[in-house]
Protein backbone atom coordinates (compact mmCIF):
# COMPACT_ATOMS: atom_id res chain seq x y z
CA MET A 1 5.22 -4.50 -7.04
CA ILE A 2 8.83 -5.32 -6.07
CA GLY A 3 8.34 -8.52 -4.11
CA SER A 4 5.88 -10.66 -2.21
CA THR A 5 5.41 -10.85 1.54
CA SER A 6 6.66 -14.43 1.35
CA GLY A 7 10.00 -13.18 0.02
CA THR A 8 9.71 -13.78 -3.72
CA ARG A 9 11.49 -10.97 -5.56
CA PHE A 10 9.79 -9.71 -8.74
CA LEU A 11 12.34 -7.08 -9.82
CA SER A 12 16.13 -6.87 -9.82
CA ARG A 13 17.83 -3.74 -8.49
CA GLU A 14 18.19 -2.54 -12.08
CA GLY A 15 14.48 -3.22 -12.58
CA VAL A 16 13.68 -1.05 -9.55
CA ARG A 17 15.80 1.79 -10.97
CA GLU A 18 13.98 1.56 -14.31
CA LEU A 19 10.61 1.38 -12.55
CA LYS A 20 11.39 4.65 -10.77
CA ARG A 21 12.82 6.31 -13.87
CA ARG A 22 10.24 5.26 -16.47
CA LEU A 23 6.98 4.06 -14.91
CA LEU A 24 6.36 5.76 -11.57
CA PRO A 25 6.46 9.30 -13.03
CA LEU A 26 3.49 8.25 -15.22
CA ALA A 27 1.47 6.89 -12.29
CA ALA A 28 -1.36 8.71 -10.56
CA LEU A 29 -0.68 6.72 -7.38
CA VAL A 30 1.93 4.26 -6.14
CA THR A 31 1.05 1.98 -3.19
CA PRO A 32 4.21 0.48 -1.64
CA ASN A 33 4.23 -1.35 1.68
CA TRP A 34 6.98 -0.60 4.21
CA PRO A 35 9.63 -2.93 2.70
CA GLU A 36 8.89 -1.67 -0.81
CA ALA A 37 9.05 1.96 0.36
CA GLU A 38 12.48 1.21 1.83
CA GLU A 39 13.68 -0.29 -1.43
CA LEU A 40 12.30 2.53 -3.55
CA THR A 41 13.73 5.32 -1.40
CA GLY A 42 16.72 3.85 0.41
CA LEU A 43 15.17 5.16 3.63
CA ARG A 44 14.57 2.99 6.68
CA VAL A 45 10.85 2.46 7.38
CA ARG A 46 10.16 1.11 10.86
CA SER A 47 7.74 3.74 12.16
CA ASP A 48 4.90 5.95 11.00
CA ARG A 49 7.21 8.95 10.92
CA GLN A 50 9.66 7.08 8.68
CA ALA A 51 6.79 5.89 6.45
CA GLU A 52 5.72 9.50 6.00
CA ALA A 53 9.27 10.57 5.15
CA ALA A 54 9.54 7.79 2.57
CA ALA A 55 6.17 8.71 1.04
CA LEU A 56 7.22 12.36 0.76
CA ALA A 57 10.60 11.46 -0.74
CA LEU A 58 9.13 9.08 -3.31
CA SER A 59 6.38 11.52 -4.27
CA GLN A 60 8.89 14.33 -4.76
CA GLU A 61 11.31 12.14 -6.73
CA CYS A 62 8.72 10.59 -9.05
CA GLY A 63 6.05 13.30 -9.19
CA CYS A 64 3.17 11.00 -8.26
CA ALA A 65 0.93 10.48 -5.26
CA VAL A 66 2.16 7.80 -2.84
CA LEU A 67 0.24 5.69 -0.35
CA VAL A 68 2.66 3.90 1.97
CA LYS A 69 0.63 1.02 3.39
CA GLY A 70 1.10 0.24 7.05
CA GLY A 71 0.24 -3.45 7.15
CA HIS A 72 3.84 -4.30 8.03
CA GLY A 73 3.80 -1.88 10.95
CA PRO A 74 3.52 -2.94 14.59
CA GLY A 75 0.58 -2.64 16.92
CA ARG A 76 -3.17 -3.02 16.92
CA VAL A 77 -3.78 -0.20 14.45
CA CYS A 78 -2.92 -0.24 10.76
CA ARG A 79 -1.97 3.21 9.47
CA ASP A 80 -1.49 4.20 5.84
CA CYS A 81 0.14 7.48 4.79
CA LEU A 82 -1.03 9.26 1.63
CA VAL A 83 1.06 12.03 0.08
CA THR A 84 -0.64 13.71 -2.85
CA ARG A 85 1.21 15.17 -5.83
CA ASP A 86 0.99 18.61 -4.25
CA GLY A 87 2.64 17.35 -1.04
CA ARG A 88 -0.45 17.17 1.16
CA ILE A 89 -0.27 14.44 3.80
CA ARG A 90 -3.22 12.41 5.04
CA TRP A 91 -3.24 9.47 7.42
CA TYR A 92 -5.80 6.65 7.46
CA SER A 93 -6.16 4.38 10.49
CA SER A 94 -8.16 1.28 11.28
CA PRO A 95 -7.94 -1.50 13.85
CA ARG A 96 -5.71 -4.32 12.62
CA VAL A 97 -7.75 -7.37 11.61
CA ILE A 98 -6.16 -10.56 12.91
CA THR A 99 -6.42 -13.12 10.11
CA ARG A 100 -4.21 -15.40 8.09
CA ASN A 101 -6.05 -14.28 4.94
CA THR A 102 -3.76 -11.44 3.92
CA HIS A 103 -2.54 -12.69 0.54
CA GLY A 104 -3.52 -10.07 -2.05
CA THR A 105 -4.57 -7.31 0.35
CA GLY A 106 -2.42 -4.75 -1.46
CA CYS A 107 -3.94 -5.74 -4.79
CA VAL A 108 -7.48 -5.52 -3.39
CA LEU A 109 -6.71 -2.09 -1.94
CA SER A 110 -5.18 -0.69 -5.15
CA ALA A 111 -8.03 -2.10 -7.27
CA GLY A 112 -10.53 -0.51 -4.89
CA ILE A 113 -8.76 2.84 -5.17
CA ALA A 114 -8.80 2.59 -8.98
CA LEU A 115 -12.53 1.84 -8.86
CA GLY A 116 -13.17 4.86 -6.65
CA LEU A 117 -11.21 7.11 -8.98
CA ALA A 118 -13.11 5.70 -11.99
CA LYS A 119 -16.37 6.54 -10.18
CA GLY A 120 -15.21 10.15 -9.84
CA LEU A 121 -14.10 10.16 -6.20
CA SER A 122 -11.20 12.34 -5.16
CA LEU A 123 -8.00 10.44 -4.38
CA PRO A 124 -8.40 10.79 -0.58
CA ALA A 125 -12.03 9.64 -0.79
CA ALA A 126 -11.12 6.72 -3.06
CA VAL A 127 -8.42 5.60 -0.60
CA ALA A 128 -10.87 5.85 2.31
CA ALA A 129 -13.54 3.85 0.46
CA ALA A 130 -11.09 1.15 -0.63
CA ARG A 131 -9.74 0.82 2.92
CA ARG A 132 -13.28 0.44 4.28
CA PHE A 133 -13.99 -2.29 1.73
CA LEU A 134 -10.76 -4.13 2.53
CA VAL A 135 -11.24 -3.98 6.31
CA THR A 136 -14.85 -5.17 5.99
CA SER A 137 -13.74 -8.06 3.76
CA LEU A 138 -10.93 -9.07 6.14
CA LYS A 139 -13.31 -9.05 9.11
CA LYS A 140 -16.01 -10.99 7.26
CA ASN A 141 -13.61 -13.68 6.06
CA ARG A 142 -11.08 -13.78 8.90
CA LYS A 143 -11.83 -17.44 9.77
CA VAL A 144 -12.09 -18.83 6.24
CA ARG A 145 -9.45 -21.53 5.59
CA LEU A 146 -8.27 -22.07 2.02
CA GLY A 147 -5.05 -23.90 1.22
CA GLY A 148 -1.87 -23.72 3.25
CA GLY A 149 -0.01 -20.65 4.41
CA ARG A 150 -1.49 -17.21 3.98
CA GLY A 151 -5.03 -17.34 2.69
CA PRO A 152 -6.42 -14.97 0.07
CA ALA A 153 -8.09 -11.68 0.86
CA LEU A 154 -11.66 -12.42 -0.16
CA PRO A 155 -14.41 -9.95 -1.10
């Protein structure tokens, strides 16, 4: 949304302000990673507790559900924090999949969530289903080598 893991910036600071003012209040769900959550909230995100605080702050400010993705977090477990529009908090955890094929994981996850919602799942169930799909795909394709650098997240 704001930038790539490789460091390419997609939005200026003014663009981020406009995103928060005009677009995010219209969203059903926003899915920032830790660096994006920091940029959107101005809060430091270096732990699960800080990720939860950022998710709550962004949800309250913009009036949408927020899933702060934990792929940038440390450790062997990847934890994502969902805050719904009504302020309910839910955590999702899965073992971290060691692979170089992480390019596009956020896009795969958000598309999977959208699919779940379109199929009539609740938001928490759609997030859970999309995470299962992503983890399964990462495990299945962890050794695939395509191009240089980070490989794509494959279905």
